[in-house]
Amino acid sequence: TKGSILREYMSLRNGFANIGNTIEGRFPLAYVQFVQILVDTFVLFAPLALYVDLGEYSVIAVGLVVFFYCGLNNLAKIFLDPLNNEEFCDNSIYFDLGVIIREANGDS
């Protein structure tokens, strides 16, 4: 009786502790896809919006917008997965997390 109550209490406690592990972590995939859709939409409609104000110079402006926004989007994807577990980038930088942790803790 007392032992069964303690076992139930411990199983509830373990279940409650695992909720935090499930919630924490990287960004959900839906967030990354939503940002991708926003960047693609912005890059797609940028020529139409910029042509009204810049005229012929909108060609250069659209090139800069595409270069910076698509580059920032790719950089954000690489920061989201720095160890390249999902093989997004073929030539990504290899991060040795042990070295980074030792260097961070060495100064403290």
Protein backbone atom coordinates (compact mmCIF):
# COMPACT_ATOMS: atom_id res chain seq x y z
CA THR A 1 0.00 0.00 0.00
CA LYS A 2 2.58 2.56 1.08
CA GLY A 3 5.09 1.10 -1.40
CA SER A 4 2.56 1.14 -4.24
CA ILE A 5 1.68 4.77 -3.49
CA LEU A 6 5.37 5.70 -3.55
CA ARG A 7 5.85 3.81 -6.86
CA GLU A 8 2.89 5.65 -8.40
CA TYR A 9 4.22 8.94 -7.08
CA MET A 10 7.66 8.24 -8.59
CA SER A 11 6.19 7.25 -11.95
CA LEU A 12 4.14 10.47 -12.02
CA ARG A 13 7.23 12.45 -11.05
CA ASN A 14 9.29 10.81 -13.81
CA GLY A 15 6.54 11.47 -16.35
CA PHE A 16 6.38 15.11 -15.31
CA ALA A 17 10.17 15.47 -15.54
CA ASN A 18 10.19 14.09 -19.09
CA ILE A 19 7.76 16.77 -20.32
CA GLY A 20 10.49 19.41 -20.18
CA ASN A 21 12.87 17.23 -22.18
CA THR A 22 10.27 16.79 -24.88
CA ILE A 23 9.51 20.51 -25.17
CA GLU A 24 13.10 21.79 -25.11
CA GLY A 25 15.37 21.53 -28.09
CA ARG A 26 15.72 23.05 -31.50
CA PHE A 27 13.12 25.06 -33.31
CA PRO A 28 10.18 23.06 -34.53
CA LEU A 29 10.27 22.21 -38.21
CA ALA A 30 7.11 24.21 -38.88
CA TYR A 31 8.87 27.41 -37.75
CA VAL A 32 11.74 26.86 -40.17
CA GLN A 33 9.33 26.15 -43.02
CA PHE A 34 7.31 29.26 -42.17
CA VAL A 35 10.44 31.44 -42.30
CA GLN A 36 11.40 29.81 -45.61
CA ILE A 37 7.97 30.65 -47.07
CA LEU A 38 8.22 34.26 -45.84
CA VAL A 39 11.69 34.75 -47.35
CA ASP A 40 10.67 33.15 -50.66
CA THR A 41 7.54 35.33 -50.85
CA PHE A 42 9.53 38.46 -50.07
CA VAL A 43 12.16 37.64 -52.69
CA LEU A 44 9.45 36.80 -55.25
CA PHE A 45 7.52 40.05 -54.81
CA ALA A 46 10.52 42.33 -54.27
CA PRO A 47 10.96 43.13 -58.00
CA LEU A 48 7.37 44.34 -58.31
CA ALA A 49 7.58 46.48 -55.20
CA LEU A 50 10.98 47.96 -56.00
CA TYR A 51 10.25 48.76 -59.66
CA VAL A 52 7.72 51.43 -58.70
CA ASP A 53 10.29 53.43 -56.71
CA LEU A 54 13.60 52.60 -58.38
CA GLY A 55 12.70 51.95 -62.00
CA GLU A 56 15.64 50.47 -63.91
CA TYR A 57 17.81 50.37 -60.80
CA SER A 58 15.47 47.80 -59.31
CA VAL A 59 17.44 45.09 -61.16
CA ILE A 60 20.49 45.81 -58.99
CA ALA A 61 18.37 46.20 -55.87
CA VAL A 62 16.59 42.88 -56.47
CA GLY A 63 19.96 41.17 -56.92
CA LEU A 64 21.11 42.54 -53.56
CA VAL A 65 17.85 41.56 -51.85
CA VAL A 66 18.06 38.02 -53.21
CA PHE A 67 21.73 37.72 -52.28
CA PHE A 68 21.33 38.93 -48.70
CA TYR A 69 17.98 37.41 -47.75
CA CYS A 70 18.63 33.99 -49.27
CA GLY A 71 22.12 34.01 -47.77
CA LEU A 72 20.80 34.92 -44.34
CA ASN A 73 18.15 32.23 -44.63
CA ASN A 74 20.80 29.60 -45.46
CA LEU A 75 22.99 30.85 -42.63
CA ALA A 76 20.08 30.56 -40.21
CA LYS A 77 19.52 26.96 -41.32
CA ILE A 78 23.19 26.19 -40.73
CA PHE A 79 23.03 27.77 -37.25
CA LEU A 80 19.93 25.71 -36.54
CA ASP A 81 21.90 22.52 -37.22
CA PRO A 82 25.58 23.37 -36.54
CA LEU A 83 26.75 19.75 -36.62
CA ASN A 84 25.12 19.18 -40.03
CA ASN A 85 23.05 16.24 -38.79
CA GLU A 86 20.46 16.79 -41.50
CA GLU A 87 23.16 17.26 -44.18
CA PHE A 88 21.83 20.64 -45.31
CA CYS A 89 25.20 22.04 -46.28
CA ASP A 90 27.85 19.91 -47.98
CA ASN A 91 30.81 21.98 -46.85
CA SER A 92 29.74 23.19 -43.43
CA ILE A 93 32.22 23.90 -40.67
CA TYR A 94 32.88 21.04 -38.27
CA PHE A 95 32.30 22.19 -34.70
CA ASP A 96 34.12 20.19 -32.04
CA LEU A 97 31.80 20.95 -29.15
CA GLY A 98 34.22 19.54 -26.59
CA VAL A 99 36.82 22.16 -27.52
CA ILE A 100 34.26 24.95 -27.48
CA ILE A 101 33.01 23.93 -24.02
CA ARG A 102 36.56 23.65 -22.65
CA GLU A 103 37.45 27.09 -23.99
CA ALA A 104 34.28 28.62 -22.56
CA ASN A 105 34.83 27.03 -19.16
CA GLY A 106 38.54 27.81 -19.12
CA ASP A 107 37.96 31.52 -18.60
CA SER A 108 35.45 31.06 -15.80
